[in-house]
């Protein structure tokens, strides 16, 4: 007997309106679709913050603690010692002025410096 011969094998599982079952390769460690799998190296840690979905989406890409630590060091190098952050919605005028200065805005419009590009006409 084949699947085609046995109609019960062709009937959909669950009740009408239920979402389709997630294939096994798309399930995380908890068996839920979208739940990241906890890497083996992270399973010994007790802090639940490290096992949140957000943390697992970040930490789950590393196979070992060494890979994660190396990535952290590289990220810190890219950020530098004085990272520039955009002021929040309630920032003061002074905070905005410091931000604009940090990204290179001159104190006044007449302080902008432009270099001429050969072959390009300007106003």
PDB file of N, CA and C in Angstrom:
ATOM      1  N   UNK A   1       0.838  -1.172   0.000  1.00  0.00           N
ATOM      2  CA  UNK A   1       0.000   0.000   0.000  1.00  0.00           C
ATOM      3  C   UNK A   1       0.892   1.249   0.000  1.00  0.00           C
ATOM      4  N   UNK A   2       0.576   2.230  -0.789  1.00  0.00           N
ATOM      5  CA  UNK A   2       1.329   3.484  -0.861  1.00  0.00           C
ATOM      6  C   UNK A   2       0.553   4.584  -0.158  1.00  0.00           C
ATOM      7  N   UNK A   3       1.180   5.735  -0.031  1.00  0.00           N
ATOM      8  CA  UNK A   3       0.486   6.873   0.567  1.00  0.00           C
ATOM      9  C   UNK A   3      -0.774   7.234  -0.207  1.00  0.00           C
ATOM     10  N   UNK A   4      -0.718   7.077  -1.495  1.00  0.00           N
ATOM     11  CA  UNK A   4      -1.870   7.402  -2.331  1.00  0.00           C
ATOM     12  C   UNK A   4      -3.008   6.425  -2.103  1.00  0.00           C
ATOM     13  N   UNK A   5      -2.670   5.195  -1.720  1.00  0.00           N
ATOM     14  CA  UNK A   5      -3.702   4.192  -1.488  1.00  0.00           C
ATOM     15  C   UNK A   5      -4.386   4.392  -0.141  1.00  0.00           C
ATOM     16  N   UNK A   6      -3.724   4.992   0.836  1.00  0.00           N
ATOM     17  CA  UNK A   6      -4.280   5.174   2.171  1.00  0.00           C
ATOM     18  C   UNK A   6      -4.649   6.643   2.357  1.00  0.00           C
ATOM     19  N   UNK A   7      -5.956   7.002   2.203  1.00  0.00           N
ATOM     20  CA  UNK A   7      -6.368   8.410   2.275  1.00  0.00           C
ATOM     21  C   UNK A   7      -6.056   9.066   3.609  1.00  0.00           C
ATOM     22  N   UNK A   8      -5.982   8.312   4.706  1.00  0.00           N
ATOM     23  CA  UNK A   8      -5.695   8.925   6.007  1.00  0.00           C
ATOM     24  C   UNK A   8      -4.296   9.522   6.045  1.00  0.00           C
ATOM     25  N   UNK A   9      -3.377   9.022   5.236  1.00  0.00           N
ATOM     26  CA  UNK A   9      -2.015   9.543   5.199  1.00  0.00           C
ATOM     27  C   UNK A   9      -1.945  10.885   4.465  1.00  0.00           C
ATOM     28  N   UNK A  10      -2.948  11.199   3.656  1.00  0.00           N
ATOM     29  CA  UNK A  10      -2.954  12.434   2.875  1.00  0.00           C
ATOM     30  C   UNK A  10      -3.690  13.562   3.576  1.00  0.00           C
ATOM     31  N   UNK A  11      -4.370  13.264   4.688  1.00  0.00           N
ATOM     32  CA  UNK A  11      -5.134  14.291   5.377  1.00  0.00           C
ATOM     33  C   UNK A  11      -4.189  15.211   6.132  1.00  0.00           C
ATOM     34  N   UNK A  12      -4.466  16.521   6.114  1.00  0.00           N
ATOM     35  CA  UNK A  12      -3.612  17.438   6.845  1.00  0.00           C
ATOM     36  C   UNK A  12      -3.727  17.204   8.354  1.00  0.00           C
ATOM     37  N   UNK A  13      -2.626  17.434   9.067  1.00  0.00           N
ATOM     38  CA  UNK A  13      -2.617  17.273  10.508  1.00  0.00           C
ATOM     39  C   UNK A  13      -3.102  18.550  11.168  1.00  0.00           C
ATOM     40  N   UNK A  14      -3.639  18.458  12.387  1.00  0.00           N
ATOM     41  CA  UNK A  14      -4.099  19.622  13.125  1.00  0.00           C
ATOM     42  C   UNK A  14      -5.509  19.983  12.728  1.00  0.00           C
ATOM     43  N   UNK A  15      -5.954  21.122  13.211  1.00  0.00           N
ATOM     44  CA  UNK A  15      -7.296  21.581  12.890  1.00  0.00           C
ATOM     45  C   UNK A  15      -7.212  22.663  11.840  1.00  0.00           C
ATOM     46  N   UNK A  16      -8.296  22.861  11.082  1.00  0.00           N
ATOM     47  CA  UNK A  16      -8.273  23.915  10.065  1.00  0.00           C
ATOM     48  C   UNK A  16      -7.935  25.268  10.698  1.00  0.00           C
ATOM     49  N   UNK A  17      -7.090  26.013  10.041  1.00  0.00           N
ATOM     50  CA  UNK A  17      -6.668  27.320  10.539  1.00  0.00           C
ATOM     51  C   UNK A  17      -5.363  27.272  11.315  1.00  0.00           C
ATOM     52  N   UNK A  18      -4.918  26.054  11.720  1.00  0.00           N
ATOM     53  CA  UNK A  18      -3.634  25.934  12.403  1.00  0.00           C
ATOM     54  C   UNK A  18      -2.517  26.229  11.418  1.00  0.00           C
ATOM     55  N   UNK A  19      -1.426  26.887  11.882  1.00  0.00           N
ATOM     56  CA  UNK A  19      -0.299  27.096  10.969  1.00  0.00           C
ATOM     57  C   UNK A  19       0.337  25.761  10.634  1.00  0.00           C
ATOM     58  N   UNK A  20       0.953  25.648   9.463  1.00  0.00           N
ATOM     59  CA  UNK A  20       1.596  24.391   9.097  1.00  0.00           C
ATOM     60  C   UNK A  20       2.742  24.080  10.044  1.00  0.00           C
ATOM     61  N   UNK A  21       3.040  22.796  10.216  1.00  0.00           N
ATOM     62  CA  UNK A  21       4.126  22.373  11.090  1.00  0.00           C
ATOM     63  C   UNK A  21       5.455  22.839  10.507  1.00  0.00           C
ATOM     64  N   UNK A  22       6.335  23.331  11.365  1.00  0.00           N
ATOM     65  CA  UNK A  22       7.647  23.798  10.939  1.00  0.00           C
ATOM     66  C   UNK A  22       8.551  22.607  10.701  1.00  0.00           C
ATOM     67  N   UNK A  23       9.252  22.567   9.559  1.00  0.00           N
ATOM     68  CA  UNK A  23      10.178  21.463   9.318  1.00  0.00           C
ATOM     69  C   UNK A  23      11.221  21.398  10.419  1.00  0.00           C
ATOM     70  N   UNK A  24      11.722  20.183  10.762  1.00  0.00           N
ATOM     71  CA  UNK A  24      12.679  20.033  11.851  1.00  0.00           C
ATOM     72  C   UNK A  24      13.933  20.880  11.722  1.00  0.00           C
ATOM     73  N   UNK A  25      14.428  21.109  10.508  1.00  0.00           N
ATOM     74  CA  UNK A  25      15.673  21.842  10.368  1.00  0.00           C
ATOM     75  C   UNK A  25      15.500  23.341  10.615  1.00  0.00           C
ATOM     76  N   UNK A  26      14.270  23.821  10.741  1.00  0.00           N
ATOM     77  CA  UNK A  26      14.040  25.232  11.012  1.00  0.00           C
ATOM     78  C   UNK A  26      13.701  25.482  12.473  1.00  0.00           C
ATOM     79  N   UNK A  27      13.677  24.448  13.292  1.00  0.00           N
ATOM     80  CA  UNK A  27      13.338  24.599  14.699  1.00  0.00           C
ATOM     81  C   UNK A  27      14.595  24.845  15.509  1.00  0.00           C
ATOM     82  N   UNK A  28      14.458  25.643  16.553  1.00  0.00           N
ATOM     83  CA  UNK A  28      15.571  25.894  17.460  1.00  0.00           C
ATOM     84  C   UNK A  28      15.621  24.838  18.538  1.00  0.00           C
ATOM     85  N   UNK A  29      16.436  25.074  19.556  1.00  0.00           N
ATOM     86  CA  UNK A  29      16.624  24.116  20.637  1.00  0.00           C
ATOM     87  C   UNK A  29      15.331  23.874  21.387  1.00  0.00           C
ATOM     88  N   UNK A  30      14.488  24.894  21.507  1.00  0.00           N
ATOM     89  CA  UNK A  30      13.238  24.744  22.235  1.00  0.00           C
ATOM     90  C   UNK A  30      12.157  24.102  21.401  1.00  0.00           C
ATOM     91  N   UNK A  31      12.430  23.793  20.145  1.00  0.00           N
ATOM     92  CA  UNK A  31      11.443  23.174  19.291  1.00  0.00           C
ATOM     93  C   UNK A  31      10.494  24.173  18.659  1.00  0.00           C
ATOM     94  N   UNK A  32      10.652  25.439  18.956  1.00  0.00           N
ATOM     95  CA  UNK A  32       9.783  26.461  18.404  1.00  0.00           C
ATOM     96  C   UNK A  32      10.458  27.101  17.197  1.00  0.00           C
ATOM     97  N   UNK A  33       9.663  27.418  16.215  1.00  0.00           N
ATOM     98  CA  UNK A  33      10.205  28.079  15.039  1.00  0.00           C
ATOM     99  C   UNK A  33      10.737  29.447  15.434  1.00  0.00           C
ATOM    100  N   UNK A  34      11.940  29.795  14.992  1.00  0.00           N
ATOM    101  CA  UNK A  34      12.517  31.091  15.276  1.00  0.00           C
ATOM    102  C   UNK A  34      13.290  31.160  16.584  1.00  0.00           C
ATOM    103  N   UNK A  35      13.189  30.158  17.429  1.00  0.00           N
ATOM    104  CA  UNK A  35      13.939  30.158  18.682  1.00  0.00           C
ATOM    105  C   UNK A  35      15.351  29.694  18.391  1.00  0.00           C
ATOM    106  N   UNK A  36      16.350  30.551  18.613  1.00  0.00           N
ATOM    107  CA  UNK A  36      17.725  30.161  18.309  1.00  0.00           C
ATOM    108  C   UNK A  36      18.185  29.017  19.213  1.00  0.00           C
ATOM    109  N   UNK A  37      19.064  28.208  18.686  1.00  0.00           N
ATOM    110  CA  UNK A  37      19.625  27.104  19.452  1.00  0.00           C
ATOM    111  C   UNK A  37      20.726  27.623  20.366  1.00  0.00           C
ATOM    112  N   UNK A  38      20.784  27.103  21.601  1.00  0.00           N
ATOM    113  CA  UNK A  38      21.824  27.507  22.548  1.00  0.00           C
ATOM    114  C   UNK A  38      23.100  26.763  22.179  1.00  0.00           C
ATOM    115  N   UNK A  39      24.186  27.493  21.852  1.00  0.00           N
ATOM    116  CA  UNK A  39      25.441  26.818  21.506  1.00  0.00           C
ATOM    117  C   UNK A  39      25.935  25.985  22.688  1.00  0.00           C
ATOM    118  N   UNK A  40      26.586  24.892  22.383  1.00  0.00           N
ATOM    119  CA  UNK A  40      27.080  23.990  23.433  1.00  0.00           C
ATOM    120  C   UNK A  40      27.952  24.730  24.438  1.00  0.00           C
ATOM    121  N   UNK A  41      28.831  25.612  23.962  1.00  0.00           N
ATOM    122  CA  UNK A  41      29.745  26.324  24.860  1.00  0.00           C
ATOM    123  C   UNK A  41      29.026  27.268  25.806  1.00  0.00           C
ATOM    124  N   UNK A  42      27.799  27.666  25.492  1.00  0.00           N
ATOM    125  CA  UNK A  42      27.052  28.612  26.312  1.00  0.00           C
ATOM    126  C   UNK A  42      26.139  27.915  27.317  1.00  0.00           C
ATOM    127  N   UNK A  43      25.937  26.630  27.167  1.00  0.00           N
ATOM    128  CA  UNK A  43      24.979  25.910  28.007  1.00  0.00           C
ATOM    129  C   UNK A  43      25.368  25.881  29.479  1.00  0.00           C
ATOM    130  N   UNK A  44      26.631  26.014  29.815  1.00  0.00           N
ATOM    131  CA  UNK A  44      27.053  25.969  31.206  1.00  0.00           C
ATOM    132  C   UNK A  44      26.851  27.270  31.963  1.00  0.00           C
ATOM    133  N   UNK A  45      26.489  28.350  31.282  1.00  0.00           N
ATOM    134  CA  UNK A  45      26.303  29.636  31.940  1.00  0.00           C
ATOM    135  C   UNK A  45      24.908  29.720  32.548  1.00  0.00           C
ATOM    136  N   UNK A  46      24.820  30.291  33.755  1.00  0.00           N
ATOM    137  CA  UNK A  46      23.547  30.374  34.474  1.00  0.00           C
ATOM    138  C   UNK A  46      22.739  31.631  34.135  1.00  0.00           C
ATOM    139  N   UNK A  47      23.407  32.703  33.754  1.00  0.00           N
ATOM    140  CA  UNK A  47      22.738  33.986  33.526  1.00  0.00           C
ATOM    141  C   UNK A  47      21.710  33.858  32.399  1.00  0.00           C
ATOM    142  N   UNK A  48      20.458  34.074  32.723  1.00  0.00           N
ATOM    143  CA  UNK A  48      19.373  33.934  31.745  1.00  0.00           C
ATOM    144  C   UNK A  48      19.438  35.006  30.655  1.00  0.00           C
ATOM    145  N   UNK A  49      20.099  36.136  30.940  1.00  0.00           N
ATOM    146  CA  UNK A  49      20.255  37.188  29.932  1.00  0.00           C
ATOM    147  C   UNK A  49      20.989  36.649  28.711  1.00  0.00           C
ATOM    148  N   UNK A  50      21.953  35.769  28.965  1.00  0.00           N
ATOM    149  CA  UNK A  50      22.737  35.192  27.874  1.00  0.00           C
ATOM    150  C   UNK A  50      21.930  34.201  27.048  1.00  0.00           C
ATOM    151  N   UNK A  51      20.798  33.765  27.579  1.00  0.00           N
ATOM    152  CA  UNK A  51      19.988  32.766  26.885  1.00  0.00           C
ATOM    153  C   UNK A  51      18.706  33.364  26.308  1.00  0.00           C
ATOM    154  N   UNK A  52      18.601  34.689  26.340  1.00  0.00           N
ATOM    155  CA  UNK A  52      17.445  35.347  25.734  1.00  0.00           C
ATOM    156  C   UNK A  52      17.529  35.193  24.220  1.00  0.00           C
ATOM    157  N   UNK A  53      16.410  35.342  23.557  1.00  0.00           N
ATOM    158  CA  UNK A  53      16.394  35.203  22.098  1.00  0.00           C
ATOM    159  C   UNK A  53      17.328  36.217  21.442  1.00  0.00           C
ATOM    160  N   UNK A  54      17.318  37.443  21.961  1.00  0.00           N
ATOM    161  CA  UNK A  54      18.190  38.486  21.406  1.00  0.00           C
ATOM    162  C   UNK A  54      19.666  38.103  21.552  1.00  0.00           C
ATOM    163  N   UNK A  55      20.055  37.637  22.767  1.00  0.00           N
ATOM    164  CA  UNK A  55      21.446  37.245  22.999  1.00  0.00           C
ATOM    165  C   UNK A  55      21.817  36.041  22.144  1.00  0.00           C
ATOM    166  N   UNK A  56      20.915  35.075  22.025  1.00  0.00           N
ATOM    167  CA  UNK A  56      21.224  33.875  21.248  1.00  0.00           C
ATOM    168  C   UNK A  56      21.362  34.185  19.761  1.00  0.00           C
ATOM    169  N   UNK A  57      20.640  35.189  19.283  1.00  0.00           N
ATOM    170  CA  UNK A  57      20.799  35.586  17.883  1.00  0.00           C
ATOM    171  C   UNK A  57      22.201  36.137  17.633  1.00  0.00           C
ATOM    172  N   UNK A  58      22.806  36.721  18.673  1.00  0.00           N
ATOM    173  CA  UNK A  58      24.172  37.245  18.549  1.00  0.00           C
ATOM    174  C   UNK A  58      25.190  36.155  18.852  1.00  0.00           C
ATOM    175  N   UNK A  59      25.066  35.540  20.020  1.00  0.00           N
ATOM    176  CA  UNK A  59      26.063  34.568  20.474  1.00  0.00           C
ATOM    177  C   UNK A  59      26.007  33.253  19.711  1.00  0.00           C
ATOM    178  N   UNK A  60      24.859  32.926  19.152  1.00  0.00           N
ATOM    179  CA  UNK A  60      24.691  31.660  18.455  1.00  0.00           C
ATOM    180  C   UNK A  60      25.526  31.522  17.197  1.00  0.00           C
ATOM    181  N   UNK A  61      26.049  32.629  16.704  1.00  0.00           N
ATOM    182  CA  UNK A  61      26.865  32.552  15.480  1.00  0.00           C
ATOM    183  C   UNK A  61      28.301  32.122  15.768  1.00  0.00           C
ATOM    184  N   UNK A  62      28.675  32.064  17.052  1.00  0.00           N
ATOM    185  CA  UNK A  62      30.037  31.685  17.422  1.00  0.00           C
ATOM    186  C   UNK A  62      30.077  30.236  17.900  1.00  0.00           C
ATOM    187  N   UNK A  63      31.023  29.480  17.375  1.00  0.00           N
ATOM    188  CA  UNK A  63      31.143  28.061  17.726  1.00  0.00           C
ATOM    189  C   UNK A  63      31.885  27.842  19.044  1.00  0.00           C
ATOM    190  N   UNK A  64      32.707  28.814  19.444  1.00  0.00           N
ATOM    191  CA  UNK A  64      33.498  28.685  20.672  1.00  0.00           C
ATOM    192  C   UNK A  64      33.528  30.031  21.387  1.00  0.00           C
ATOM    193  N   UNK A  65      33.844  30.019  22.693  1.00  0.00           N
ATOM    194  CA  UNK A  65      33.995  31.295  23.399  1.00  0.00           C
ATOM    195  C   UNK A  65      35.122  32.135  22.805  1.00  0.00           C
ATOM    196  N   UNK A  66      36.161  31.477  22.311  1.00  0.00           N
ATOM    197  CA  UNK A  66      37.282  32.204  21.723  1.00  0.00           C
ATOM    198  C   UNK A  66      36.841  33.002  20.505  1.00  0.00           C
ATOM    199  N   UNK A  67      35.974  32.424  19.676  1.00  0.00           N
ATOM    200  CA  UNK A  67      35.469  33.146  18.501  1.00  0.00           C
ATOM    201  C   UNK A  67      34.686  34.380  18.937  1.00  0.00           C
ATOM    202  N   UNK A  68      33.885  34.240  19.978  1.00  0.00           N
ATOM    203  CA  UNK A  68      33.087  35.356  20.466  1.00  0.00           C
ATOM    204  C   UNK A  68      33.988  36.449  21.036  1.00  0.00           C
ATOM    205  N   UNK A  69      34.989  36.057  21.808  1.00  0.00           N
ATOM    206  CA  UNK A  69      35.907  37.039  22.391  1.00  0.00           C
ATOM    207  C   UNK A  69      36.699  37.781  21.316  1.00  0.00           C
ATOM    208  N   UNK A  70      37.140  37.059  20.295  1.00  0.00           N
ATOM    209  CA  UNK A  70      37.881  37.688  19.194  1.00  0.00           C
ATOM    210  C   UNK A  70      36.988  38.709  18.478  1.00  0.00           C
ATOM    211  N   UNK A  71      35.730  38.349  18.249  1.00  0.00           N
ATOM    212  CA  UNK A  71      34.800  39.266  17.589  1.00  0.00           C
ATOM    213  C   UNK A  71      34.565  40.505  18.446  1.00  0.00           C
ATOM    214  N   UNK A  72      34.496  40.316  19.751  1.00  0.00           N
ATOM    215  CA  UNK A  72      34.299  41.450  20.655  1.00  0.00           C
ATOM    216  C   UNK A  72      35.485  42.410  20.579  1.00  0.00           C
ATOM    217  N   UNK A  73      36.690  41.865  20.606  1.00  0.00           N
ATOM    218  CA  UNK A  73      37.891  42.695  20.527  1.00  0.00           C
ATOM    219  C   UNK A  73      37.909  43.464  19.202  1.00  0.00           C
ATOM    220  N   UNK A  74      37.591  42.790  18.103  1.00  0.00           N
ATOM    221  CA  UNK A  74      37.575  43.450  16.792  1.00  0.00           C
ATOM    222  C   UNK A  74      36.515  44.548  16.752  1.00  0.00           C
ATOM    223  N   UNK A  75      35.361  44.300  17.350  1.00  0.00           N
ATOM    224  CA  UNK A  75      34.301  45.313  17.366  1.00  0.00           C
ATOM    225  C   UNK A  75      34.739  46.535  18.165  1.00  0.00           C
ATOM    226  N   UNK A  76      35.396  46.309  19.292  1.00  0.00           N
ATOM    227  CA  UNK A  76      35.883  47.428  20.103  1.00  0.00           C
ATOM    228  C   UNK A  76      36.920  48.245  19.340  1.00  0.00           C
ATOM    229  N   UNK A  77      37.771  47.580  18.559  1.00  0.00           N
ATOM    230  CA  UNK A  77      38.758  48.302  17.751  1.00  0.00           C
ATOM    231  C   UNK A  77      38.058  49.212  16.755  1.00  0.00           C
ATOM    232  N   UNK A  78      36.994  48.690  16.140  1.00  0.00           N
ATOM    233  CA  UNK A  78      36.276  49.483  15.136  1.00  0.00           C
ATOM    234  C   UNK A  78      35.549  50.660  15.771  1.00  0.00           C
ATOM    235  N   UNK A  79      35.058  50.473  16.985  1.00  0.00           N
ATOM    236  CA  UNK A  79      34.368  51.564  17.665  1.00  0.00           C
ATOM    237  C   UNK A  79      35.320  52.651  18.113  1.00  0.00           C
ATOM    238  N   UNK A  80      36.538  52.263  18.439  1.00  0.00           N
ATOM    239  CA  UNK A  80      37.518  53.222  18.920  1.00  0.00           C
ATOM    240  C   UNK A  80      37.275  53.571  20.378  1.00  0.00           C
ATOM    241  N   UNK A  81      38.096  54.435  20.872  1.00  0.00           N
ATOM    242  CA  UNK A  81      38.010  54.832  22.278  1.00  0.00           C
ATOM    243  C   UNK A  81      36.918  55.869  22.516  1.00  0.00           C
ATOM    244  N   UNK A  82      36.599  56.650  21.508  1.00  0.00           N
ATOM    245  CA  UNK A  82      35.600  57.707  21.664  1.00  0.00           C
ATOM    246  C   UNK A  82      34.479  57.548  20.643  1.00  0.00           C
ATOM    247  N   UNK A  83      33.604  56.590  20.862  1.00  0.00           N
ATOM    248  CA  UNK A  83      32.532  56.402  19.880  1.00  0.00           C
ATOM    249  C   UNK A  83      31.570  57.590  19.884  1.00  0.00           C
ATOM    250  N   UNK A  84      31.041  57.888  18.732  1.00  0.00           N
ATOM    251  CA  UNK A  84      30.088  58.991  18.590  1.00  0.00           C
ATOM    252  C   UNK A  84      28.692  58.391  18.634  1.00  0.00           C
ATOM    253  N   UNK A  85      27.860  58.922  19.517  1.00  0.00           N
ATOM    254  CA  UNK A  85      26.478  58.452  19.576  1.00  0.00           C
ATOM    255  C   UNK A  85      25.551  59.605  19.233  1.00  0.00           C
ATOM    256  N   UNK A  86      24.472  59.292  18.562  1.00  0.00           N
ATOM    257  CA  UNK A  86      23.480  60.296  18.199  1.00  0.00           C
ATOM    258  C   UNK A  86      22.687  60.642  19.450  1.00  0.00           C
ATOM    259  N   UNK A  87      22.549  61.926  19.751  1.00  0.00           N
ATOM    260  CA  UNK A  87      21.775  62.314  20.934  1.00  0.00           C
ATOM    261  C   UNK A  87      20.330  61.837  20.843  1.00  0.00           C
ATOM    262  N   UNK A  88      19.744  61.590  21.994  1.00  0.00           N
ATOM    263  CA  UNK A  88      18.370  61.110  22.063  1.00  0.00           C
ATOM    264  C   UNK A  88      17.359  62.209  21.814  1.00  0.00           C
ATOM    265  N   UNK A  89      16.075  61.860  21.820  1.00  0.00           N
ATOM    266  CA  UNK A  89      15.022  62.836  21.507  1.00  0.00           C
ATOM    267  C   UNK A  89      14.925  63.984  22.517  1.00  0.00           C
ATOM    268  N   UNK A  90      15.399  63.793  23.730  1.00  0.00           N
ATOM    269  CA  UNK A  90      15.333  64.845  24.753  1.00  0.00           C
ATOM    270  C   UNK A  90      16.685  65.515  24.981  1.00  0.00           C
ATOM    271  N   UNK A  91      17.593  65.385  24.024  1.00  0.00           N
ATOM    272  CA  UNK A  91      18.935  65.941  24.166  1.00  0.00           C
ATOM    273  C   UNK A  91      18.894  67.461  24.148  1.00  0.00           C
ATOM    274  N   UNK A  92      19.829  68.042  24.877  1.00  0.00           N
ATOM    275  CA  UNK A  92      19.933  69.504  24.934  1.00  0.00           C
ATOM    276  C   UNK A  92      20.606  70.040  23.668  1.00  0.00           C
ATOM    277  N   UNK A  93      20.502  71.346  23.486  1.00  0.00           N
ATOM    278  CA  UNK A  93      21.172  71.986  22.350  1.00  0.00           C
ATOM    279  C   UNK A  93      22.683  71.781  22.439  1.00  0.00           C
ATOM    280  N   UNK A  94      23.217  71.806  23.663  1.00  0.00           N
ATOM    281  CA  UNK A  94      24.654  71.605  23.858  1.00  0.00           C
ATOM    282  C   UNK A  94      25.066  70.186  23.425  1.00  0.00           C
ATOM    283  N   UNK A  95      24.251  69.181  23.746  1.00  0.00           N
ATOM    284  CA  UNK A  95      24.557  67.811  23.330  1.00  0.00           C
ATOM    285  C   UNK A  95      24.545  67.692  21.809  1.00  0.00           C
ATOM    286  N   UNK A  96      23.579  68.350  21.154  1.00  0.00           N
ATOM    287  CA  UNK A  96      23.533  68.341  19.691  1.00  0.00           C
ATOM    288  C   UNK A  96      24.742  69.069  19.105  1.00  0.00           C
ATOM    289  N   UNK A  97      25.127  70.188  19.702  1.00  0.00           N
ATOM    290  CA  UNK A  97      26.289  70.941  19.213  1.00  0.00           C
ATOM    291  C   UNK A  97      27.551  70.089  19.320  1.00  0.00           C
ATOM    292  N   UNK A  98      27.704  69.380  20.440  1.00  0.00           N
ATOM    293  CA  UNK A  98      28.867  68.499  20.607  1.00  0.00           C
ATOM    294  C   UNK A  98      28.853  67.365  19.584  1.00  0.00           C
ATOM    295  N   UNK A  99      27.678  66.835  19.299  1.00  0.00           N
ATOM    296  CA  UNK A  99      27.558  65.770  18.294  1.00  0.00           C
ATOM    297  C   UNK A  99      27.978  66.290  16.923  1.00  0.00           C
ATOM    298  N   UNK A 100      27.429  67.433  16.521  1.00  0.00           N
ATOM    299  CA  UNK A 100      27.762  67.991  15.203  1.00  0.00           C
ATOM    300  C   UNK A 100      29.251  68.322  15.096  1.00  0.00           C
ATOM    301  N   UNK A 101      29.845  68.804  16.175  1.00  0.00           N
ATOM    302  CA  UNK A 101      31.278  69.089  16.176  1.00  0.00           C
ATOM    303  C   UNK A 101      32.067  67.788  15.997  1.00  0.00           C
ATOM    304  N   UNK A 102      31.634  66.726  16.681  1.00  0.00           N
ATOM    305  CA  UNK A 102      32.340  65.437  16.610  1.00  0.00           C
ATOM    306  C   UNK A 102      32.297  64.837  15.209  1.00  0.00           C
ATOM    307  N   UNK A 103      31.230  65.107  14.460  1.00  0.00           N
ATOM    308  CA  UNK A 103      31.149  64.544  13.107  1.00  0.00           C
ATOM    309  C   UNK A 103      31.714  65.482  12.046  1.00  0.00           C
ATOM    310  N   UNK A 104      32.248  66.637  12.505  1.00  0.00           N
ATOM    311  CA  UNK A 104      32.983  67.499  11.584  1.00  0.00           C
ATOM    312  C   UNK A 104      32.248  68.694  11.039  1.00  0.00           C
ATOM    313  N   UNK A 105      31.102  69.037  11.594  1.00  0.00           N
ATOM    314  CA  UNK A 105      30.410  70.231  11.106  1.00  0.00           C
ATOM    315  C   UNK A 105      31.141  71.479  11.587  1.00  0.00           C
ATOM    316  N   UNK A 106      31.446  72.411  10.673  1.00  0.00           N
ATOM    317  CA  UNK A 106      32.105  73.661  11.078  1.00  0.00           C
ATOM    318  C   UNK A 106      31.191  74.506  11.975  1.00  0.00           C
ATOM    319  N   UNK A 107      31.801  75.464  12.669  1.00  0.00           N
ATOM    320  CA  UNK A 107      31.050  76.335  13.580  1.00  0.00           C
ATOM    321  C   UNK A 107      30.051  77.218  12.855  1.00  0.00           C
ATOM    322  N   UNK A 108      30.353  77.567  11.599  1.00  0.00           N
ATOM    323  CA  UNK A 108      29.448  78.409  10.815  1.00  0.00           C
ATOM    324  C   UNK A 108      29.577  78.024   9.340  1.00  0.00           C
ATOM    325  N   UNK A 109      28.562  78.356   8.533  1.00  0.00           N
ATOM    326  CA  UNK A 109      28.588  77.963   7.117  1.00  0.00           C
ATOM    327  C   UNK A 109      29.799  78.477   6.353  1.00  0.00           C
ATOM    328  N   UNK A 110      30.310  79.650   6.719  1.00  0.00           N
ATOM    329  CA  UNK A 110      31.454  80.196   5.980  1.00  0.00           C
ATOM    330  C   UNK A 110      32.758  79.457   6.278  1.00  0.00           C
ATOM    331  N   UNK A 111      32.759  78.564   7.237  1.00  0.00           N
ATOM    332  CA  UNK A 111      33.967  77.801   7.595  1.00  0.00           C
ATOM    333  C   UNK A 111      34.104  76.505   6.785  1.00  0.00           C
ATOM    334  N   UNK A 112      33.091  76.177   5.961  1.00  0.00           N
ATOM    335  CA  UNK A 112      33.216  74.984   5.114  1.00  0.00           C
ATOM    336  C   UNK A 112      34.346  75.209   4.118  1.00  0.00           C
ATOM    337  N   UNK A 113      35.113  74.165   3.849  1.00  0.00           N
ATOM    338  CA  UNK A 113      36.203  74.251   2.886  1.00  0.00           C
ATOM    339  C   UNK A 113      35.953  73.250   1.770  1.00  0.00           C
ATOM    340  N   UNK A 114      36.015  73.743   0.557  1.00  0.00           N
ATOM    341  CA  UNK A 114      35.793  72.889  -0.604  1.00  0.00           C
ATOM    342  C   UNK A 114      37.023  72.933  -1.500  1.00  0.00           C
ATOM    343  N   UNK A 115      37.306  71.830  -2.114  1.00  0.00           N
ATOM    344  CA  UNK A 115      38.399  71.806  -3.084  1.00  0.00           C
ATOM    345  C   UNK A 115      37.784  71.724  -4.470  1.00  0.00           C
ATOM    346  N   UNK A 116      38.430  72.408  -5.396  1.00  0.00           N
ATOM    347  CA  UNK A 116      37.937  72.393  -6.769  1.00  0.00           C
ATOM    348  C   UNK A 116      38.275  71.062  -7.422  1.00  0.00           C
ATOM    349  N   UNK A 117      37.344  70.601  -8.201  1.00  0.00           N
ATOM    350  CA  UNK A 117      37.555  69.343  -8.940  1.00  0.00           C
ATOM    351  C   UNK A 117      37.810  69.735 -10.390  1.00  0.00           C
ATOM    352  N   UNK A 118      38.922  69.282 -10.917  1.00  0.00           N
ATOM    353  CA  UNK A 118      39.308  69.615 -12.279  1.00  0.00           C
ATOM    354  C   UNK A 118      38.259  69.103 -13.262  1.00  0.00           C
ATOM    355  N   UNK A 119      37.872  69.964 -14.176  1.00  0.00           N
ATOM    356  CA  UNK A 119      36.916  69.586 -15.197  1.00  0.00           C
ATOM    357  C   UNK A 119      35.457  69.716 -14.779  1.00  0.00           C
ATOM    358  N   UNK A 120      35.247  70.218 -13.553  1.00  0.00           N
ATOM    359  CA  UNK A 120      33.883  70.369 -13.070  1.00  0.00           C
ATOM    360  C   UNK A 120      33.611  71.847 -12.840  1.00  0.00           C
ATOM    361  N   UNK A 121      32.489  72.305 -13.388  1.00  0.00           N
ATOM    362  CA  UNK A 121      32.152  73.717 -13.219  1.00  0.00           C
ATOM    363  C   UNK A 121      31.284  73.879 -11.975  1.00  0.00           C
ATOM    364  N   UNK A 122      31.534  74.946 -11.249  1.00  0.00           N
ATOM    365  CA  UNK A 122      30.737  75.214 -10.045  1.00  0.00           C
ATOM    366  C   UNK A 122      30.144  76.605 -10.098  1.00  0.00           C
ATOM    367  N   UNK A 123      29.298  76.866  -9.138  1.00  0.00           N
ATOM    368  CA  UNK A 123      28.674  78.206  -9.047  1.00  0.00           C
ATOM    369  C   UNK A 123      29.487  79.112  -8.211  1.00  0.00           C
TER     370      UNK A 123
END
